[in-house]
PDB file of N, CA and C in Angstrom:
ATOM      1  N   MET A   1       5.022   3.903   5.990  1.00  0.00           N
ATOM      2  CA  MET A   1       4.811   4.942   6.861  1.00  0.00           C
ATOM      3  C   MET A   1       5.953   4.840   7.958  1.00  0.00           C
ATOM      4  N   ASP A   2       6.598   5.936   8.336  1.00  0.00           N
ATOM      5  CA  ASP A   2       7.827   5.882   9.180  1.00  0.00           C
ATOM      6  C   ASP A   2       7.271   5.822  10.635  1.00  0.00           C
ATOM      7  N   ALA A   3       8.214   5.485  11.525  1.00  0.00           N
ATOM      8  CA  ALA A   3       7.757   5.268  12.892  1.00  0.00           C
ATOM      9  C   ALA A   3       7.348   6.470  13.666  1.00  0.00           C
ATOM     10  N   THR A   4       7.609   7.647  13.194  1.00  0.00           N
ATOM     11  CA  THR A   4       7.215   8.835  13.822  1.00  0.00           C
ATOM     12  C   THR A   4       5.788   9.324  13.400  1.00  0.00           C
ATOM     13  N   ALA A   5       5.064   8.527  12.648  1.00  0.00           N
ATOM     14  CA  ALA A   5       3.805   9.029  12.071  1.00  0.00           C
ATOM     15  C   ALA A   5       2.707   8.839  13.003  1.00  0.00           C
ATOM     16  N   PHE A   6       2.924   7.934  14.021  1.00  0.00           N
ATOM     17  CA  PHE A   6       1.938   7.662  15.112  1.00  0.00           C
ATOM     18  C   PHE A   6       2.657   7.901  16.467  1.00  0.00           C
ATOM     19  N   PRO A   7       1.962   8.735  17.369  1.00  0.00           N
ATOM     20  CA  PRO A   7       2.670   8.834  18.627  1.00  0.00           C
ATOM     21  C   PRO A   7       2.706   7.647  19.430  1.00  0.00           C
ATOM     22  N   LYS A   8       3.705   7.519  20.340  1.00  0.00           N
ATOM     23  CA  LYS A   8       3.742   6.335  21.239  1.00  0.00           C
ATOM     24  C   LYS A   8       2.522   6.185  22.169  1.00  0.00           C
ATOM     25  N   GLU A   9       1.945   7.185  22.425  1.00  0.00           N
ATOM     26  CA  GLU A   9       0.793   7.204  23.399  1.00  0.00           C
ATOM     27  C   GLU A   9      -0.354   6.535  22.732  1.00  0.00           C
ATOM     28  N   LEU A  10      -0.591   6.648  21.495  1.00  0.00           N
ATOM     29  CA  LEU A  10      -1.617   5.933  20.676  1.00  0.00           C
ATOM     30  C   LEU A  10      -1.484   4.470  20.602  1.00  0.00           C
ATOM     31  N   ALA A  11      -0.075   4.098  20.542  1.00  0.00           N
ATOM     32  CA  ALA A  11       0.308   2.665  20.465  1.00  0.00           C
ATOM     33  C   ALA A  11       0.122   2.060  21.897  1.00  0.00           C
ATOM     34  N   ASP A  12       0.271   2.752  22.865  1.00  0.00           N
ATOM     35  CA  ASP A  12       0.110   2.370  24.209  1.00  0.00           C
ATOM     36  C   ASP A  12      -1.406   2.147  24.503  1.00  0.00           C
ATOM     37  N   VAL A  13      -2.361   3.062  24.052  1.00  0.00           N
ATOM     38  CA  VAL A  13      -3.643   3.018  24.158  1.00  0.00           C
ATOM     39  C   VAL A  13      -4.157   1.684  23.403  1.00  0.00           C
ATOM     40  N   MET A  14      -3.615   1.517  22.315  1.00  0.00           N
ATOM     41  CA  MET A  14      -4.171   0.399  21.382  1.00  0.00           C
ATOM     42  C   MET A  14      -3.792  -0.861  22.319  1.00  0.00           C
ATOM     43  N   GLU A  15      -2.626  -0.963  22.720  1.00  0.00           N
ATOM     44  CA  GLU A  15      -2.141  -2.139  23.275  1.00  0.00           C
ATOM     45  C   GLU A  15      -2.909  -2.405  24.580  1.00  0.00           C
ATOM     46  N   ALA A  16      -3.261  -1.465  25.433  1.00  0.00           N
ATOM     47  CA  ALA A  16      -4.159  -1.581  26.515  1.00  0.00           C
ATOM     48  C   ALA A  16      -5.379  -1.922  26.103  1.00  0.00           C
ATOM     49  N   VAL A  17      -6.094  -1.531  25.012  1.00  0.00           N
ATOM     50  CA  VAL A  17      -7.481  -2.030  24.599  1.00  0.00           C
ATOM     51  C   VAL A  17      -7.410  -3.447  24.229  1.00  0.00           C
ATOM     52  N   ILE A  18      -6.391  -3.757  23.295  1.00  0.00           N
ATOM     53  CA  ILE A  18      -6.330  -5.124  22.922  1.00  0.00           C
ATOM     54  C   ILE A  18      -6.188  -6.181  24.057  1.00  0.00           C
ATOM     55  N   GLY A  19      -5.252  -5.634  24.963  1.00  0.00           N
ATOM     56  CA  GLY A  19      -4.963  -6.492  26.284  1.00  0.00           C
ATOM     57  C   GLY A  19      -6.163  -6.718  27.046  1.00  0.00           C
ATOM     58  N   ALA A  20      -6.997  -5.643  27.205  1.00  0.00           N
ATOM     59  CA  ALA A  20      -8.228  -5.840  28.076  1.00  0.00           C
ATOM     60  C   ALA A  20      -9.203  -6.678  27.362  1.00  0.00           C
ATOM     61  N   VAL A  21      -9.456  -6.498  26.159  1.00  0.00           N
ATOM     62  CA  VAL A  21     -10.397  -7.425  25.246  1.00  0.00           C
ATOM     63  C   VAL A  21      -9.925  -8.944  25.404  1.00  0.00           C
ATOM     64  N   TYR A  22      -8.676  -9.057  25.205  1.00  0.00           N
ATOM     65  CA  TYR A  22      -7.958 -10.463  25.335  1.00  0.00           C
ATOM     66  C   TYR A  22      -8.351 -10.925  26.674  1.00  0.00           C
ATOM     67  N   MET A  23      -7.976 -10.389  27.686  1.00  0.00           N
ATOM     68  CA  MET A  23      -8.227 -10.855  29.074  1.00  0.00           C
ATOM     69  C   MET A  23      -9.751 -11.087  29.385  1.00  0.00           C
ATOM     70  N   ASP A  24     -10.532 -10.080  29.034  1.00  0.00           N
ATOM     71  CA  ASP A  24     -11.953 -10.168  29.255  1.00  0.00           C
ATOM     72  C   ASP A  24     -12.743 -11.266  28.417  1.00  0.00           C
ATOM     73  N   SER A  25     -12.150 -11.618  27.299  1.00  0.00           N
ATOM     74  CA  SER A  25     -12.746 -12.647  26.465  1.00  0.00           C
ATOM     75  C   SER A  25     -12.231 -14.146  26.902  1.00  0.00           C
ATOM     76  N   GLY A  26     -11.537 -14.070  27.942  1.00  0.00           N
ATOM     77  CA  GLY A  26     -10.966 -15.519  28.304  1.00  0.00           C
ATOM     78  C   GLY A  26      -9.767 -15.858  27.506  1.00  0.00           C
ATOM     79  N   MET A  27      -9.098 -14.895  27.017  1.00  0.00           N
ATOM     80  CA  MET A  27      -7.740 -15.029  26.290  1.00  0.00           C
ATOM     81  C   MET A  27      -8.138 -15.710  24.839  1.00  0.00           C
ATOM     82  N   SER A  28      -9.214 -15.076  24.311  1.00  0.00           N
ATOM     83  CA  SER A  28      -9.529 -15.670  22.880  1.00  0.00           C
ATOM     84  C   SER A  28      -9.251 -14.674  21.850  1.00  0.00           C
ATOM     85  N   LEU A  29      -8.153 -15.062  20.996  1.00  0.00           N
ATOM     86  CA  LEU A  29      -7.615 -14.263  20.042  1.00  0.00           C
ATOM     87  C   LEU A  29      -8.852 -14.023  18.823  1.00  0.00           C
ATOM     88  N   GLU A  30      -9.572 -15.084  18.751  1.00  0.00           N
ATOM     89  CA  GLU A  30     -10.674 -14.967  17.787  1.00  0.00           C
ATOM     90  C   GLU A  30     -11.672 -13.779  18.228  1.00  0.00           C
ATOM     91  N   LYS A  31     -11.985 -13.675  19.386  1.00  0.00           N
ATOM     92  CA  LYS A  31     -12.846 -12.789  20.130  1.00  0.00           C
ATOM     93  C   LYS A  31     -12.092 -11.306  19.757  1.00  0.00           C
ATOM     94  N   VAL A  32     -10.951 -11.287  20.112  1.00  0.00           N
ATOM     95  CA  VAL A  32     -10.117 -10.026  20.028  1.00  0.00           C
ATOM     96  C   VAL A  32     -10.248  -9.559  18.491  1.00  0.00           C
ATOM     97  N   TRP A  33     -10.067 -10.400  17.487  1.00  0.00           N
ATOM     98  CA  TRP A  33     -10.054  -9.948  16.190  1.00  0.00           C
ATOM     99  C   TRP A  33     -11.384  -9.628  15.764  1.00  0.00           C
ATOM    100  N   SER A  34     -12.405 -10.378  16.202  1.00  0.00           N
ATOM    101  CA  SER A  34     -13.739 -10.088  15.814  1.00  0.00           C
ATOM    102  C   SER A  34     -14.212  -8.794  16.246  1.00  0.00           C
ATOM    103  N   ILE A  35     -13.726  -8.175  17.233  1.00  0.00           N
ATOM    104  CA  ILE A  35     -13.974  -6.824  17.691  1.00  0.00           C
ATOM    105  C   ILE A  35     -13.154  -5.751  17.092  1.00  0.00           C
ATOM    106  N   LEU A  36     -11.845  -6.051  16.893  1.00  0.00           N
ATOM    107  CA  LEU A  36     -10.940  -5.088  16.355  1.00  0.00           C
ATOM    108  C   LEU A  36     -10.953  -5.038  14.780  1.00  0.00           C
ATOM    109  N   HIS A  37     -11.262  -6.202  14.230  1.00  0.00           N
ATOM    110  CA  HIS A  37     -11.185  -6.104  12.650  1.00  0.00           C
ATOM    111  C   HIS A  37     -12.188  -4.901  12.160  1.00  0.00           C
ATOM    112  N   PRO A  38     -13.324  -4.933  12.490  1.00  0.00           N
ATOM    113  CA  PRO A  38     -14.329  -3.826  11.955  1.00  0.00           C
ATOM    114  C   PRO A  38     -13.844  -2.371  12.384  1.00  0.00           C
ATOM    115  N   LEU A  39     -13.094  -2.232  13.467  1.00  0.00           N
ATOM    116  CA  LEU A  39     -12.694  -1.063  13.849  1.00  0.00           C
ATOM    117  C   LEU A  39     -11.400  -0.521  13.048  1.00  0.00           C
ATOM    118  N   LEU A  40     -10.529  -1.576  12.686  1.00  0.00           N
ATOM    119  CA  LEU A  40      -9.304  -1.215  12.092  1.00  0.00           C
ATOM    120  C   LEU A  40      -9.533  -1.336  10.567  1.00  0.00           C
ATOM    121  N   LEU A  41     -10.610  -2.015  10.026  1.00  0.00           N
ATOM    122  CA  LEU A  41     -10.482  -2.387   8.634  1.00  0.00           C
ATOM    123  C   LEU A  41     -10.533  -1.042   7.733  1.00  0.00           C
ATOM    124  N   PRO A  42     -11.296   0.052   8.130  1.00  0.00           N
ATOM    125  CA  PRO A  42     -11.178   1.240   7.230  1.00  0.00           C
ATOM    126  C   PRO A  42      -9.628   1.793   7.268  1.00  0.00           C
ATOM    127  N   PHE A  43      -8.914   1.779   8.332  1.00  0.00           N
ATOM    128  CA  PHE A  43      -7.513   2.237   8.214  1.00  0.00           C
ATOM    129  C   PHE A  43      -6.680   1.257   7.551  1.00  0.00           C
ATOM    130  N   ILE A  44      -6.768  -0.095   7.604  1.00  0.00           N
ATOM    131  CA  ILE A  44      -6.127  -0.974   6.810  1.00  0.00           C
ATOM    132  C   ILE A  44      -6.319  -0.789   5.309  1.00  0.00           C
ATOM    133  N   GLU A  45      -7.489  -0.661   4.791  1.00  0.00           N
ATOM    134  CA  GLU A  45      -7.919  -0.339   3.482  1.00  0.00           C
ATOM    135  C   GLU A  45      -7.296   0.854   3.002  1.00  0.00           C
ATOM    136  N   MET A  46      -7.265   1.888   3.740  1.00  0.00           N
ATOM    137  CA  MET A  46      -6.822   3.158   3.506  1.00  0.00           C
ATOM    138  C   MET A  46      -5.299   3.124   3.187  1.00  0.00           C
ATOM    139  N   TYR A  47      -4.682   2.393   4.077  1.00  0.00           N
ATOM    140  CA  TYR A  47      -3.259   2.289   3.956  1.00  0.00           C
ATOM    141  C   TYR A  47      -2.910   1.520   2.757  1.00  0.00           C
ATOM    142  N   ILE A  48      -3.440   0.336   2.507  1.00  0.00           N
ATOM    143  CA  ILE A  48      -3.083  -0.527   1.363  1.00  0.00           C
ATOM    144  C   ILE A  48      -3.487   0.043   0.047  1.00  0.00           C
ATOM    145  N   SER A  49      -4.440   1.038  -0.069  1.00  0.00           N
ATOM    146  CA  SER A  49      -4.877   1.595  -1.230  1.00  0.00           C
ATOM    147  C   SER A  49      -3.886   2.844  -1.800  1.00  0.00           C
ATOM    148  N   GLU A  50      -3.016   3.270  -0.825  1.00  0.00           N
ATOM    149  CA  GLU A  50      -2.234   4.543  -1.011  1.00  0.00           C
ATOM    150  C   GLU A  50      -1.018   4.094  -2.130  1.00  0.00           C
ATOM    151  N   MET A  51      -0.408   4.899  -2.582  1.00  0.00           N
ATOM    152  CA  MET A  51       0.594   4.743  -3.510  1.00  0.00           C
ATOM    153  C   MET A  51       1.677   3.788  -2.920  1.00  0.00           C
ATOM    154  N   PRO A  52       2.556   3.361  -3.869  1.00  0.00           N
ATOM    155  CA  PRO A  52       3.620   2.425  -3.511  1.00  0.00           C
ATOM    156  C   PRO A  52       4.433   3.128  -2.403  1.00  0.00           C
ATOM    157  N   PRO A  53       5.416   2.256  -1.663  1.00  0.00           N
ATOM    158  CA  PRO A  53       6.112   2.831  -0.656  1.00  0.00           C
ATOM    159  C   PRO A  53       6.967   4.084  -1.239  1.00  0.00           C
ATOM    160  N   PRO A  54       7.085   4.959  -0.402  1.00  0.00           N
ATOM    161  CA  PRO A  54       7.915   6.199  -1.050  1.00  0.00           C
ATOM    162  C   PRO A  54       9.148   5.855  -1.589  1.00  0.00           C
ATOM    163  N   SER A  55       9.990   4.949  -1.161  1.00  0.00           N
ATOM    164  CA  SER A  55      11.197   4.642  -1.782  1.00  0.00           C
ATOM    165  C   SER A  55      11.177   4.180  -3.125  1.00  0.00           C
ATOM    166  N   LEU A  56      10.046   3.483  -3.509  1.00  0.00           N
ATOM    167  CA  LEU A  56       9.968   3.026  -4.844  1.00  0.00           C
ATOM    168  C   LEU A  56       9.561   4.147  -5.742  1.00  0.00           C
ATOM    169  N   ALA A  57       8.563   4.922  -5.237  1.00  0.00           N
ATOM    170  CA  ALA A  57       7.957   6.050  -6.113  1.00  0.00           C
ATOM    171  C   ALA A  57       9.148   7.200  -6.309  1.00  0.00           C
ATOM    172  N   ILE A  58       9.810   7.327  -5.230  1.00  0.00           N
ATOM    173  CA  ILE A  58      11.023   8.430  -5.145  1.00  0.00           C
ATOM    174  C   ILE A  58      11.999   8.027  -6.188  1.00  0.00           C
ATOM    175  N   SER A  59      12.373   6.603  -6.047  1.00  0.00           N
ATOM    176  CA  SER A  59      13.421   6.131  -7.007  1.00  0.00           C
ATOM    177  C   SER A  59      12.932   6.277  -8.413  1.00  0.00           C
ATOM    178  N   LEU A  60      11.541   5.902  -8.790  1.00  0.00           N
ATOM    179  CA  LEU A  60      11.279   6.142 -10.192  1.00  0.00           C
ATOM    180  C   LEU A  60      11.325   7.690 -10.559  1.00  0.00           C
ATOM    181  N   PHE A  61      10.785   8.539  -9.742  1.00  0.00           N
ATOM    182  CA  PHE A  61      10.798   9.966 -10.207  1.00  0.00           C
ATOM    183  C   PHE A  61      12.328  10.408 -10.269  1.00  0.00           C
ATOM    184  N   GLU A  62      13.081  10.157  -9.374  1.00  0.00           N
ATOM    185  CA  GLU A  62      14.599  10.547  -9.440  1.00  0.00           C
ATOM    186  C   GLU A  62      15.268  10.043 -10.685  1.00  0.00           C
ATOM    187  N   LEU A  63      14.951   8.760 -10.997  1.00  0.00           N
ATOM    188  CA  LEU A  63      15.594   8.151 -12.227  1.00  0.00           C
ATOM    189  C   LEU A  63      15.109   8.686 -13.478  1.00  0.00           C
ATOM    190  N   ALA A  64      13.762   9.064 -13.499  1.00  0.00           N
ATOM    191  CA  ALA A  64      13.127   9.561 -14.791  1.00  0.00           C
ATOM    192  C   ALA A  64      13.646  10.988 -14.940  1.00  0.00           C
ATOM    193  N   GLY A  65      13.828  11.729 -13.873  1.00  0.00           N
ATOM    194  CA  GLY A  65      14.263  13.124 -14.078  1.00  0.00           C
ATOM    195  C   GLY A  65      13.031  14.011 -13.855  1.00  0.00           C
ATOM    196  N   ASN A  66      13.270  15.429 -13.683  1.00  0.00           N
ATOM    197  CA  ASN A  66      12.312  16.270 -13.227  1.00  0.00           C
ATOM    198  C   ASN A  66      11.320  16.740 -14.423  1.00  0.00           C
ATOM    199  N   SER A  67      11.607  16.542 -15.681  1.00  0.00           N
ATOM    200  CA  SER A  67      10.746  16.830 -16.714  1.00  0.00           C
ATOM    201  C   SER A  67       9.886  15.653 -17.053  1.00  0.00           C
ATOM    202  N   SER A  68       9.953  14.520 -16.464  1.00  0.00           N
ATOM    203  CA  SER A  68       9.091  13.312 -16.806  1.00  0.00           C
ATOM    204  C   SER A  68       7.889  13.515 -16.284  1.00  0.00           C
ATOM    205  N   GLN A  69       6.726  12.961 -17.075  1.00  0.00           N
ATOM    206  CA  GLN A  69       5.436  13.017 -16.357  1.00  0.00           C
ATOM    207  C   GLN A  69       4.817  11.668 -16.505  1.00  0.00           C
ATOM    208  N   PHE A  70       4.105  11.242 -15.488  1.00  0.00           N
ATOM    209  CA  PHE A  70       3.475   9.896 -15.442  1.00  0.00           C
ATOM    210  C   PHE A  70       1.876  10.084 -15.154  1.00  0.00           C
ATOM    211  N   SER A  71       1.149   9.016 -15.586  1.00  0.00           N
ATOM    212  CA  SER A  71      -0.215   8.930 -15.160  1.00  0.00           C
ATOM    213  C   SER A  71      -0.543   7.631 -14.771  1.00  0.00           C
ATOM    214  N   THR A  72      -1.505   7.480 -14.003  1.00  0.00           N
ATOM    215  CA  THR A  72      -1.793   6.156 -13.285  1.00  0.00           C
ATOM    216  C   THR A  72      -3.065   5.826 -13.603  1.00  0.00           C
ATOM    217  N   ARG A  73      -3.582   4.590 -13.882  1.00  0.00           N
ATOM    218  CA  ARG A  73      -5.068   4.111 -14.116  1.00  0.00           C
ATOM    219  C   ARG A  73      -5.152   2.937 -13.311  1.00  0.00           C
ATOM    220  N   LEU A  74      -6.130   2.858 -12.498  1.00  0.00           N
ATOM    221  CA  LEU A  74      -6.361   1.586 -11.611  1.00  0.00           C
ATOM    222  C   LEU A  74      -7.787   0.974 -12.141  1.00  0.00           C
ATOM    223  N   THR A  75      -7.806  -0.313 -12.386  1.00  0.00           N
ATOM    224  CA  THR A  75      -9.011  -1.084 -12.860  1.00  0.00           C
ATOM    225  C   THR A  75      -9.192  -2.307 -11.901  1.00  0.00           C
ATOM    226  N   ILE A  76     -10.383  -2.816 -11.771  1.00  0.00           N
ATOM    227  CA  ILE A  76     -10.534  -4.131 -11.240  1.00  0.00           C
ATOM    228  C   ILE A  76     -10.972  -5.120 -12.307  1.00  0.00           C
ATOM    229  N   LEU A  77     -10.254  -6.184 -12.488  1.00  0.00           N
ATOM    230  CA  LEU A  77     -10.400  -7.107 -13.468  1.00  0.00           C
ATOM    231  C   LEU A  77     -11.701  -8.062 -13.047  1.00  0.00           C
ATOM    232  N   GLY A  78     -12.097  -8.743 -14.232  1.00  0.00           N
ATOM    233  CA  GLY A  78     -13.223  -9.647 -13.869  1.00  0.00           C
ATOM    234  C   GLY A  78     -12.937 -10.769 -12.914  1.00  0.00           C
ATOM    235  N   ASN A  79     -11.716 -11.178 -12.660  1.00  0.00           N
ATOM    236  CA  ASN A  79     -11.312 -12.173 -11.727  1.00  0.00           C
ATOM    237  C   ASN A  79     -11.189 -11.601 -10.227  1.00  0.00           C
ATOM    238  N   GLY A  80     -11.558 -10.378 -10.114  1.00  0.00           N
ATOM    239  CA  GLY A  80     -11.290  -9.641  -8.866  1.00  0.00           C
ATOM    240  C   GLY A  80      -9.947  -9.068  -8.601  1.00  0.00           C
ATOM    241  N   GLN A  81      -9.027  -9.417  -9.604  1.00  0.00           N
ATOM    242  CA  GLN A  81      -7.736  -8.804  -9.272  1.00  0.00           C
ATOM    243  C   GLN A  81      -7.603  -7.389  -9.661  1.00  0.00           C
ATOM    244  N   HIS A  82      -6.751  -6.512  -9.043  1.00  0.00           N
ATOM    245  CA  HIS A  82      -6.677  -5.158  -9.393  1.00  0.00           C
ATOM    246  C   HIS A  82      -5.443  -4.967 -10.406  1.00  0.00           C
ATOM    247  N   GLN A  83      -5.662  -3.998 -11.260  1.00  0.00           N
ATOM    248  CA  GLN A  83      -4.725  -3.703 -12.381  1.00  0.00           C
ATOM    249  C   GLN A  83      -4.257  -2.341 -12.378  1.00  0.00           C
ATOM    250  N   CYS A  84      -3.056  -2.115 -12.393  1.00  0.00           N
ATOM    251  CA  CYS A  84      -2.546  -0.658 -12.330  1.00  0.00           C
ATOM    252  C   CYS A  84      -1.754  -0.435 -13.564  1.00  0.00           C
ATOM    253  N   THR A  85      -1.963   0.568 -14.289  1.00  0.00           N
ATOM    254  CA  THR A  85      -1.188   0.980 -15.487  1.00  0.00           C
ATOM    255  C   THR A  85      -0.518   2.333 -15.164  1.00  0.00           C
ATOM    256  N   ILE A  86       0.817   2.356 -15.196  1.00  0.00           N
ATOM    257  CA  ILE A  86       1.575   3.496 -15.008  1.00  0.00           C
ATOM    258  C   ILE A  86       2.139   3.880 -16.497  1.00  0.00           C
ATOM    259  N   THR A  87       1.750   5.110 -16.801  1.00  0.00           N
ATOM    260  CA  THR A  87       2.231   5.512 -18.308  1.00  0.00           C
ATOM    261  C   THR A  87       3.297   6.615 -17.856  1.00  0.00           C
ATOM    262  N   HIS A  88       4.551   6.369 -18.593  1.00  0.00           N
ATOM    263  CA  HIS A  88       5.438   7.228 -18.506  1.00  0.00           C
ATOM    264  C   HIS A  88       5.375   8.035 -19.728  1.00  0.00           C
ATOM    265  N   ILE A  89       4.842   9.169 -19.893  1.00  0.00           N
ATOM    266  CA  ILE A  89       4.482   9.731 -20.973  1.00  0.00           C
ATOM    267  C   ILE A  89       5.480   9.969 -21.901  1.00  0.00           C
ATOM    268  N   GLY A  90       5.457   9.407 -23.127  1.00  0.00           N
ATOM    269  CA  GLY A  90       6.335   9.456 -24.192  1.00  0.00           C
ATOM    270  C   GLY A  90       7.331   8.476 -24.132  1.00  0.00           C
ATOM    271  N   HIS A  91       7.142   7.493 -23.138  1.00  0.00           N
ATOM    272  CA  HIS A  91       8.330   6.388 -23.077  1.00  0.00           C
ATOM    273  C   HIS A  91       7.736   5.111 -22.940  1.00  0.00           C
ATOM    274  N   GLY A  92       6.359   4.969 -22.355  1.00  0.00           N
ATOM    275  CA  GLY A  92       5.940   3.418 -22.279  1.00  0.00           C
ATOM    276  C   GLY A  92       4.932   3.318 -21.196  1.00  0.00           C
ATOM    277  N   HIS A  93       4.363   2.166 -21.182  1.00  0.00           N
ATOM    278  CA  HIS A  93       3.231   1.766 -20.259  1.00  0.00           C
ATOM    279  C   HIS A  93       3.772   0.498 -19.435  1.00  0.00           C
ATOM    280  N   TYR A  94       3.522   0.485 -18.161  1.00  0.00           N
ATOM    281  CA  TYR A  94       3.897  -0.527 -17.264  1.00  0.00           C
ATOM    282  C   TYR A  94       2.824  -1.002 -16.364  1.00  0.00           C
ATOM    283  N   VAL A  95       2.485  -2.275 -16.559  1.00  0.00           N
ATOM    284  CA  VAL A  95       1.196  -2.821 -15.942  1.00  0.00           C
ATOM    285  C   VAL A  95       1.726  -3.760 -14.854  1.00  0.00           C
ATOM    286  N   GLY A  96       0.962  -3.609 -13.650  1.00  0.00           N
ATOM    287  CA  GLY A  96       0.943  -4.461 -12.519  1.00  0.00           C
ATOM    288  C   GLY A  96      -0.423  -4.977 -12.090  1.00  0.00           C
ATOM    289  N   LYS A  97      -0.344  -6.261 -11.616  1.00  0.00           N
ATOM    290  CA  LYS A  97      -1.578  -6.817 -11.133  1.00  0.00           C
ATOM    291  C   LYS A  97      -1.450  -7.365  -9.783  1.00  0.00           C
ATOM    292  N   GLY A  98      -2.442  -7.444  -9.062  1.00  0.00           N
ATOM    293  CA  GLY A  98      -2.469  -7.999  -7.663  1.00  0.00           C
ATOM    294  C   GLY A  98      -3.717  -8.203  -7.137  1.00  0.00           C
ATOM    295  N   LEU A  99      -3.706  -8.758  -5.904  1.00  0.00           N
ATOM    296  CA  LEU A  99      -5.058  -9.013  -5.164  1.00  0.00           C
ATOM    297  C   LEU A  99      -5.535  -7.753  -4.598  1.00  0.00           C
ATOM    298  N   SER A 100      -4.796  -6.632  -4.467  1.00  0.00           N
ATOM    299  CA  SER A 100      -5.302  -5.400  -4.053  1.00  0.00           C
ATOM    300  C   SER A 100      -4.602  -4.241  -4.931  1.00  0.00           C
ATOM    301  N   ALA A 101      -5.244  -3.154  -4.877  1.00  0.00           N
ATOM    302  CA  ALA A 101      -4.728  -1.866  -5.563  1.00  0.00           C
ATOM    303  C   ALA A 101      -3.162  -1.738  -5.293  1.00  0.00           C
ATOM    304  N   TYR A 102      -2.914  -1.722  -4.065  1.00  0.00           N
ATOM    305  CA  TYR A 102      -1.656  -1.523  -3.440  1.00  0.00           C
ATOM    306  C   TYR A 102      -0.601  -2.483  -4.129  1.00  0.00           C
ATOM    307  N   GLN A 103      -0.934  -3.820  -4.243  1.00  0.00           N
ATOM    308  CA  GLN A 103       0.111  -4.737  -4.792  1.00  0.00           C
ATOM    309  C   GLN A 103       0.250  -4.463  -6.229  1.00  0.00           C
ATOM    310  N   ALA A 104      -0.890  -4.110  -7.023  1.00  0.00           N
ATOM    311  CA  ALA A 104      -0.846  -3.844  -8.319  1.00  0.00           C
ATOM    312  C   ALA A 104      -0.012  -2.482  -8.616  1.00  0.00           C
ATOM    313  N   ARG A 105      -0.130  -1.562  -7.803  1.00  0.00           N
ATOM    314  CA  ARG A 105       0.659  -0.319  -7.916  1.00  0.00           C
ATOM    315  C   ARG A 105       2.206  -0.502  -7.646  1.00  0.00           C
ATOM    316  N   ILE A 106       2.441  -1.311  -6.710  1.00  0.00           N
ATOM    317  CA  ILE A 106       3.944  -1.707  -6.414  1.00  0.00           C
ATOM    318  C   ILE A 106       4.454  -2.446  -7.631  1.00  0.00           C
ATOM    319  N   GLN A 107       3.833  -3.476  -8.090  1.00  0.00           N
ATOM    320  CA  GLN A 107       4.384  -4.134  -9.317  1.00  0.00           C
ATOM    321  C   GLN A 107       4.486  -3.117 -10.540  1.00  0.00           C
ATOM    322  N   ALA A 108       3.536  -2.419 -10.740  1.00  0.00           N
ATOM    323  CA  ALA A 108       3.562  -1.563 -11.938  1.00  0.00           C
ATOM    324  C   ALA A 108       4.908  -0.432 -11.780  1.00  0.00           C
ATOM    325  N   THR A 109       4.978  -0.087 -10.592  1.00  0.00           N
ATOM    326  CA  THR A 109       5.963   0.972 -10.205  1.00  0.00           C
ATOM    327  C   THR A 109       7.337   0.181 -10.423  1.00  0.00           C
ATOM    328  N   GLN A 110       7.511  -0.865  -9.990  1.00  0.00           N
ATOM    329  CA  GLN A 110       8.792  -1.753  -9.940  1.00  0.00           C
ATOM    330  C   GLN A 110       9.085  -2.168 -11.440  1.00  0.00           C
ATOM    331  N   ARG A 111       8.032  -2.349 -12.277  1.00  0.00           N
ATOM    332  CA  ARG A 111       8.284  -2.614 -13.754  1.00  0.00           C
ATOM    333  C   ARG A 111       8.705  -1.362 -14.408  1.00  0.00           C
ATOM    334  N   ALA A 112       8.171  -0.184 -14.089  1.00  0.00           N
ATOM    335  CA  ALA A 112       8.705   1.187 -14.679  1.00  0.00           C
ATOM    336  C   ALA A 112      10.049   1.435 -14.312  1.00  0.00           C
ATOM    337  N   LEU A 113      10.255   1.216 -13.008  1.00  0.00           N
ATOM    338  CA  LEU A 113      11.719   1.421 -12.418  1.00  0.00           C
ATOM    339  C   LEU A 113      12.735   0.483 -13.143  1.00  0.00           C
ATOM    340  N   ASP A 114      12.381  -0.784 -13.347  1.00  0.00           N
ATOM    341  CA  ASP A 114      13.341  -1.653 -13.981  1.00  0.00           C
ATOM    342  C   ASP A 114      13.497  -1.359 -15.477  1.00  0.00           C
ATOM    343  N   ALA A 115      12.467  -0.842 -16.158  1.00  0.00           N
ATOM    344  CA  ALA A 115      12.662  -0.296 -17.571  1.00  0.00           C
ATOM    345  C   ALA A 115      13.502   0.847 -17.633  1.00  0.00           C
ATOM    346  N   LEU A 116      13.449   1.657 -16.725  1.00  0.00           N
ATOM    347  CA  LEU A 116      14.309   2.968 -16.876  1.00  0.00           C
ATOM    348  C   LEU A 116      15.649   2.623 -16.466  1.00  0.00           C
ATOM    349  N   LYS A 117      15.925   1.640 -15.561  1.00  0.00           N
ATOM    350  CA  LYS A 117      17.328   1.251 -15.165  1.00  0.00           C
ATOM    351  C   LYS A 117      17.909   0.641 -16.384  1.00  0.00           C
ATOM    352  N   LYS A 118      17.149  -0.114 -17.168  1.00  0.00           N
ATOM    353  CA  LYS A 118      17.768  -0.884 -18.373  1.00  0.00           C
ATOM    354  C   LYS A 118      18.082   0.243 -19.379  1.00  0.00           C
ATOM    355  N   LYS A 119      17.549   1.298 -19.453  1.00  0.00           N
ATOM    356  CA  LYS A 119      17.710   2.332 -20.490  1.00  0.00           C
ATOM    357  C   LYS A 119      18.991   3.066 -20.223  1.00  0.00           C
ATOM    358  N   ASP A 120      19.377   3.115 -18.827  1.00  0.00           N
ATOM    359  CA  ASP A 120      20.596   3.828 -18.501  1.00  0.00           C
ATOM    360  C   ASP A 120      21.857   2.921 -18.633  1.00  0.00           C
TER     361      ASP A 120
END
């Protein structure tokens, strides 16, 4: 996410809230985190579940060409790990695994990108 995605005013408000909780709790980082974690968790999970960073995804699409088609499948393995399979239709399957869907997608995207670079 680029720096312009959130206004500076929002960052200033969050900084003030965190500072107030920190001071009011007797400078306890544990208390600050126990209050902020439930508030921030939905946003953290949303962010990490999104597709890989645009630079990786854009690189993949640019290298593959406009006529290329991809499909993505996410699964959760028995050990709790996430697995992402990216299929470059007509060319191959690339699998990534990680502790989160985000990590798995990044790994699978990187493997697809590496495979396309080898073909060139």
